[in-house]
C-alpha cells in the first residue's frame, strides 16, 4: 500500500526549526554552502566587453532549447537562448560589438557546460561547438543522401546507374 503524502501545516515547520536549532552545525549538512561552492566554480568571463557569469542552474526547458541549438547556425534560435541566459541587453551589446556566429556558438557551449556542472575554458568550448556543428552537418548530409536514394513518386528512384557502369 502506497504511503499517503502528508501536507505540512506551518506549525510543523516551527517545531522542526526549533529542533534544528538545537543541533550542532557539524550534524547538519549545509545545502546552501554546497550550492555556493557550485556557483563559485563558475568564474565570470569578459566577453566582447561585458562581464558575465553563466547560470549554474536553469530550467529544463532552457536546457532542452540549448541542446536543440547545439551546432546550429540558426542565429535567431541561438540569440533566443543567449537572451534567456544572460539577458536581452547583453545579447544586443554583443551584436553591436560585431560578435560572429562562431563566437556566439563558443559562448553558448561555454555556458552550457557550466550549466551542466562541468565548466570548461573557452578553447574547449570552441572545440565542443565545432564538434556539435560537425555532427549537425554530418546528420544533414546523411539525410540528404537518404533522400536522393529514396524511391521517387512514380515508383522509380534510388540511385541511377551511369551509362559507364553497364547493365
Protein backbone atom coordinates (compact mmCIF):
# COMPACT_ATOMS: atom_id res chain seq x y z
CA UNK A 1 0.00 0.00 0.00
CA UNK A 2 1.42 3.36 -1.04
CA UNK A 3 2.18 5.89 1.64
CA UNK A 4 -0.03 8.89 1.67
CA UNK A 5 1.75 12.22 1.27
CA UNK A 6 1.07 14.39 4.27
CA UNK A 7 0.66 18.12 3.83
CA UNK A 8 2.56 20.02 6.47
CA UNK A 9 1.00 22.90 8.28
CA UNK A 10 3.06 25.94 9.32
CA UNK A 11 3.15 24.87 12.97
CA UNK A 12 5.13 21.77 11.95
CA UNK A 13 7.80 23.99 10.39
CA UNK A 14 8.16 25.94 13.64
CA UNK A 15 8.61 22.73 15.66
CA UNK A 16 11.09 21.40 13.11
CA UNK A 17 13.06 24.67 13.07
CA UNK A 18 13.36 24.60 16.85
CA UNK A 19 14.70 21.03 16.66
CA UNK A 20 17.25 22.04 14.03
CA UNK A 21 18.40 24.97 16.14
CA UNK A 22 19.35 22.52 18.91
CA UNK A 23 21.60 20.52 16.56
CA UNK A 24 25.30 21.18 16.37
CA UNK A 25 26.32 22.69 13.00
CA UNK A 26 28.50 19.63 12.33
CA UNK A 27 25.39 17.43 12.50
CA UNK A 28 23.60 19.27 9.68
CA UNK A 29 24.54 19.07 6.04
CA UNK A 30 24.52 22.61 4.67
CA UNK A 31 22.98 22.67 1.21
CA UNK A 32 23.41 26.44 0.97
CA UNK A 33 27.18 26.13 1.45
CA UNK A 34 27.32 23.28 -1.06
CA UNK A 35 25.37 25.23 -3.67
CA UNK A 36 27.52 28.32 -3.15
CA UNK A 37 30.59 26.17 -3.82
CA UNK A 38 28.96 25.04 -7.08
CA UNK A 39 28.28 28.67 -8.03
CA UNK A 40 31.85 29.63 -7.12
CA UNK A 41 33.25 27.01 -9.53
CA UNK A 42 31.88 29.02 -12.44
CA UNK A 43 34.09 32.02 -12.96
CA UNK A 44 32.80 35.14 -14.67
CA UNK A 45 34.19 35.97 -18.08
CA UNK A 46 34.62 39.12 -20.10
CA UNK A 47 33.02 38.59 -23.50
CA UNK A 48 33.00 41.42 -26.03
CA UNK A 49 33.35 43.98 -23.23
CA UNK A 50 30.65 42.51 -20.97
CA UNK A 51 31.43 40.56 -17.81
CA UNK A 52 29.01 37.66 -17.49
CA UNK A 53 28.63 34.59 -15.34
CA UNK A 54 26.73 31.71 -16.87
CA UNK A 55 23.78 30.47 -14.85
CA UNK A 56 24.65 27.49 -12.67
CA UNK A 57 21.13 26.12 -12.85
CA UNK A 58 18.43 26.62 -15.45
CA UNK A 59 15.00 25.33 -16.24
CA UNK A 60 14.78 22.06 -18.10
CA UNK A 61 13.01 23.92 -20.91
CA UNK A 62 16.04 26.17 -21.42
CA UNK A 63 18.40 23.20 -21.23
CA UNK A 64 16.32 21.44 -23.90
CA UNK A 65 16.43 24.58 -26.06
CA UNK A 66 20.19 24.75 -25.55
CA UNK A 67 20.52 21.16 -26.77
CA UNK A 68 18.37 21.98 -29.80
CA UNK A 69 20.64 24.83 -30.90
CA UNK A 70 23.91 22.97 -30.30
CA UNK A 71 25.80 23.14 -33.58
CA UNK A 72 23.06 25.20 -35.17
CA UNK A 73 23.67 28.19 -37.38
CA UNK A 74 20.13 29.43 -36.77
CA UNK A 75 21.06 32.82 -35.35
CA UNK A 76 17.55 33.61 -34.12
CA UNK A 77 17.36 30.39 -32.09
CA UNK A 78 20.83 30.93 -30.64
CA UNK A 79 20.05 34.58 -29.83
CA UNK A 80 16.89 33.46 -28.03
CA UNK A 81 18.88 31.06 -25.82
CA UNK A 82 21.56 33.66 -25.09
CA UNK A 83 18.97 36.29 -24.20
CA UNK A 84 17.38 33.84 -21.77
CA UNK A 85 20.76 33.01 -20.18
CA UNK A 86 22.34 36.47 -20.00
CA UNK A 87 19.59 38.98 -20.74
CA UNK A 88 18.46 40.97 -23.76
CA UNK A 89 20.90 43.84 -23.17
CA UNK A 90 23.92 41.53 -23.15
CA UNK A 91 22.91 39.92 -26.44
CA UNK A 92 22.36 43.30 -28.06
CA UNK A 93 25.72 44.57 -26.79
CA UNK A 94 27.44 41.57 -28.35
CA UNK A 95 25.59 42.09 -31.62
CA UNK A 96 26.56 45.77 -31.63
CA UNK A 97 30.18 44.78 -30.92
CA UNK A 98 30.19 42.64 -34.06
CA UNK A 99 30.12 39.18 -32.50
CA UNK A 100 30.09 36.46 -35.13
CA UNK A 101 28.16 33.20 -35.18
CA UNK A 102 31.21 31.06 -34.31
CA UNK A 103 31.95 33.30 -31.33
CA UNK A 104 28.35 33.03 -30.22
CA UNK A 105 28.38 29.24 -30.60
CA UNK A 106 31.52 29.13 -28.44
CA UNK A 107 29.87 31.26 -25.74
CA UNK A 108 26.77 29.03 -25.81
CA UNK A 109 28.94 25.89 -25.48
CA UNK A 110 30.86 27.51 -22.58
CA UNK A 111 27.67 28.49 -20.77
CA UNK A 112 26.03 25.12 -21.49
CA UNK A 113 28.95 23.24 -19.95
CA UNK A 114 28.78 25.43 -16.85
CA UNK A 115 25.03 24.90 -16.55
CA UNK A 116 25.61 21.14 -16.63
CA UNK A 117 28.08 21.44 -13.75
CA UNK A 118 31.13 20.85 -15.96
CA UNK A 119 32.71 24.26 -16.59
CA UNK A 120 35.23 24.45 -19.43
CA UNK A 121 37.63 27.07 -20.74
CA UNK A 122 36.95 28.90 -23.99
CA UNK A 123 39.32 26.74 -26.05
CA UNK A 124 37.43 23.63 -25.00
CA UNK A 125 34.11 25.40 -25.61
CA UNK A 126 35.23 26.33 -29.15
CA UNK A 127 36.16 22.69 -29.79
CA UNK A 128 32.82 21.47 -28.41
CA UNK A 129 30.94 24.00 -30.56
CA UNK A 130 32.88 22.85 -33.64
CA UNK A 131 32.14 19.20 -32.88
CA UNK A 132 28.44 19.95 -32.46
CA UNK A 133 28.40 21.79 -35.79
CA UNK A 134 30.23 18.89 -37.48
CA UNK A 135 27.66 16.45 -36.08
CA UNK A 136 24.76 18.55 -37.36
CA UNK A 137 26.37 18.85 -40.79
CA UNK A 138 27.07 15.10 -40.95
CA UNK A 139 23.49 14.38 -39.97
CA UNK A 140 22.28 16.72 -42.72
CA UNK A 141 24.50 15.05 -45.32
CA UNK A 142 23.27 11.61 -44.28
CA UNK A 143 19.67 12.83 -44.56
CA UNK A 144 20.29 14.32 -48.00
CA UNK A 145 21.92 11.08 -49.16
CA UNK A 146 18.92 9.09 -47.94
CA UNK A 147 16.55 11.46 -49.75
CA UNK A 148 18.49 11.11 -53.00
CA UNK A 149 18.33 7.33 -52.76
CA UNK A 150 14.68 7.14 -51.74
CA UNK A 151 12.15 5.92 -54.32
CA UNK A 152 10.50 8.70 -56.32
CA UNK A 153 6.78 9.40 -56.58
CA UNK A 154 6.38 7.27 -59.68
CA UNK A 155 7.86 4.23 -58.01
CA UNK A 156 11.25 4.82 -59.57
CA UNK A 157 14.03 6.03 -57.51
CA UNK A 158 17.11 5.15 -55.77
CA UNK A 159 20.45 5.68 -57.30
CA UNK A 160 20.70 5.97 -61.07
CA UNK A 161 23.29 3.83 -62.72
CA UNK A 162 25.61 5.65 -65.02
CA UNK A 163 25.97 4.52 -68.60
CA UNK A 164 29.60 3.61 -67.90
CA UNK A 165 28.56 1.19 -65.20
CA UNK A 166 26.89 -1.13 -67.72
CA UNK A 167 23.93 -3.47 -67.18
